[in-house]
């Protein structure tokens, strides 16, 4: 952005437990938009059940290994990061 740019920069904050329902719905929307034709609806539902239930998302938000971020600009987006230890040889 230039000095004369008047766009509002995005805000980035840690996701809260009460964001889990919105994250769950976003995950469903994304999976059902992009994966039909690649995998079956039953497989999509299985993957969502394994990784993106409201309870699992809440557990991950509490986790020390996971970081969920809420990014807001004109719309709200979320991202999920997990730290992994790197082992040397």
Protein backbone atom coordinates (compact mmCIF):
# COMPACT_ATOMS: atom_id res chain seq x y z
CA UNK A 1 0.00 0.00 0.00
CA UNK A 2 1.19 3.50 -0.73
CA UNK A 3 0.98 6.42 1.70
CA UNK A 4 -2.00 7.81 -0.22
CA UNK A 5 -3.81 4.46 -0.19
CA UNK A 6 -6.97 4.76 1.91
CA UNK A 7 -7.83 1.05 2.01
CA UNK A 8 -8.23 -0.37 5.45
CA UNK A 9 -5.62 -3.01 6.23
CA UNK A 10 -6.85 -6.43 7.34
CA UNK A 11 -7.10 -7.26 11.01
CA UNK A 12 -5.57 -10.52 12.19
CA UNK A 13 -6.50 -11.91 15.60
CA UNK A 14 -6.39 -15.31 17.26
CA UNK A 15 -9.66 -17.17 16.67
CA UNK A 16 -11.83 -17.66 19.76
CA UNK A 17 -13.78 -20.72 20.79
CA UNK A 18 -17.02 -18.97 19.85
CA UNK A 19 -15.68 -18.73 16.24
CA UNK A 20 -15.82 -22.54 15.89
CA UNK A 21 -19.33 -22.63 14.41
CA UNK A 22 -18.39 -20.10 11.73
CA UNK A 23 -15.16 -22.02 10.96
CA UNK A 24 -17.17 -25.25 10.73
CA UNK A 25 -19.62 -23.70 8.27
CA UNK A 26 -16.81 -22.19 6.21
CA UNK A 27 -15.08 -25.59 6.04
CA UNK A 28 -18.33 -27.24 4.86
CA UNK A 29 -18.87 -24.56 2.22
CA UNK A 30 -15.30 -24.92 0.91
CA UNK A 31 -15.29 -28.74 0.88
CA UNK A 32 -18.67 -28.98 -0.85
CA UNK A 33 -17.70 -26.32 -3.38
CA UNK A 34 -14.33 -27.78 -4.36
CA UNK A 35 -14.29 -31.54 -3.77
CA UNK A 36 -17.40 -33.05 -5.44
CA UNK A 37 -16.21 -34.78 -8.59
CA UNK A 38 -12.86 -35.52 -6.96
CA UNK A 39 -14.25 -37.53 -4.06
CA UNK A 40 -17.74 -38.69 -3.13
CA UNK A 41 -20.15 -36.73 -0.93
CA UNK A 42 -19.82 -39.52 1.63
CA UNK A 43 -16.02 -39.04 1.65
CA UNK A 44 -16.43 -35.27 2.06
CA UNK A 45 -18.76 -35.80 5.01
CA UNK A 46 -16.26 -38.28 6.52
CA UNK A 47 -13.37 -35.82 6.20
CA UNK A 48 -15.42 -33.00 7.72
CA UNK A 49 -16.39 -35.29 10.61
CA UNK A 50 -12.74 -36.22 11.17
CA UNK A 51 -11.30 -32.72 11.14
CA UNK A 52 -13.93 -30.00 11.27
CA UNK A 53 -16.65 -30.64 13.81
CA UNK A 54 -17.37 -27.71 16.10
CA UNK A 55 -15.96 -29.66 19.07
CA UNK A 56 -12.75 -30.60 17.24
CA UNK A 57 -12.22 -27.03 16.13
CA UNK A 58 -12.75 -25.82 19.70
CA UNK A 59 -10.21 -28.38 20.95
CA UNK A 60 -7.69 -27.23 18.35
CA UNK A 61 -8.22 -23.58 19.26
CA UNK A 62 -7.33 -24.49 22.87
CA UNK A 63 -4.35 -26.58 21.72
CA UNK A 64 -0.79 -25.43 22.30
CA UNK A 65 0.19 -27.03 18.96
CA UNK A 66 -2.39 -25.27 16.81
CA UNK A 67 -2.97 -21.64 15.96
CA UNK A 68 -6.23 -20.50 14.38
CA UNK A 69 -6.29 -16.94 13.08
CA UNK A 70 -9.28 -14.81 12.17
CA UNK A 71 -8.48 -12.48 9.26
CA UNK A 72 -10.99 -9.71 8.56
CA UNK A 73 -11.03 -7.31 5.65
CA UNK A 74 -14.27 -7.02 3.71
CA UNK A 75 -15.12 -10.58 4.68
CA UNK A 76 -13.91 -12.87 7.42
CA UNK A 77 -11.49 -15.70 6.75
CA UNK A 78 -9.76 -18.15 9.03
CA UNK A 79 -6.47 -19.96 8.80
CA UNK A 80 -5.08 -22.84 10.82
CA UNK A 81 -1.41 -23.46 11.51
CA UNK A 82 0.32 -26.33 13.30
CA UNK A 83 3.91 -26.21 14.47
CA UNK A 84 6.06 -29.28 13.86
CA UNK A 85 9.42 -29.94 15.45
CA UNK A 86 12.22 -30.29 12.94
CA UNK A 87 14.65 -33.10 13.71
CA UNK A 88 18.20 -32.94 12.50
CA UNK A 89 20.18 -35.94 11.23
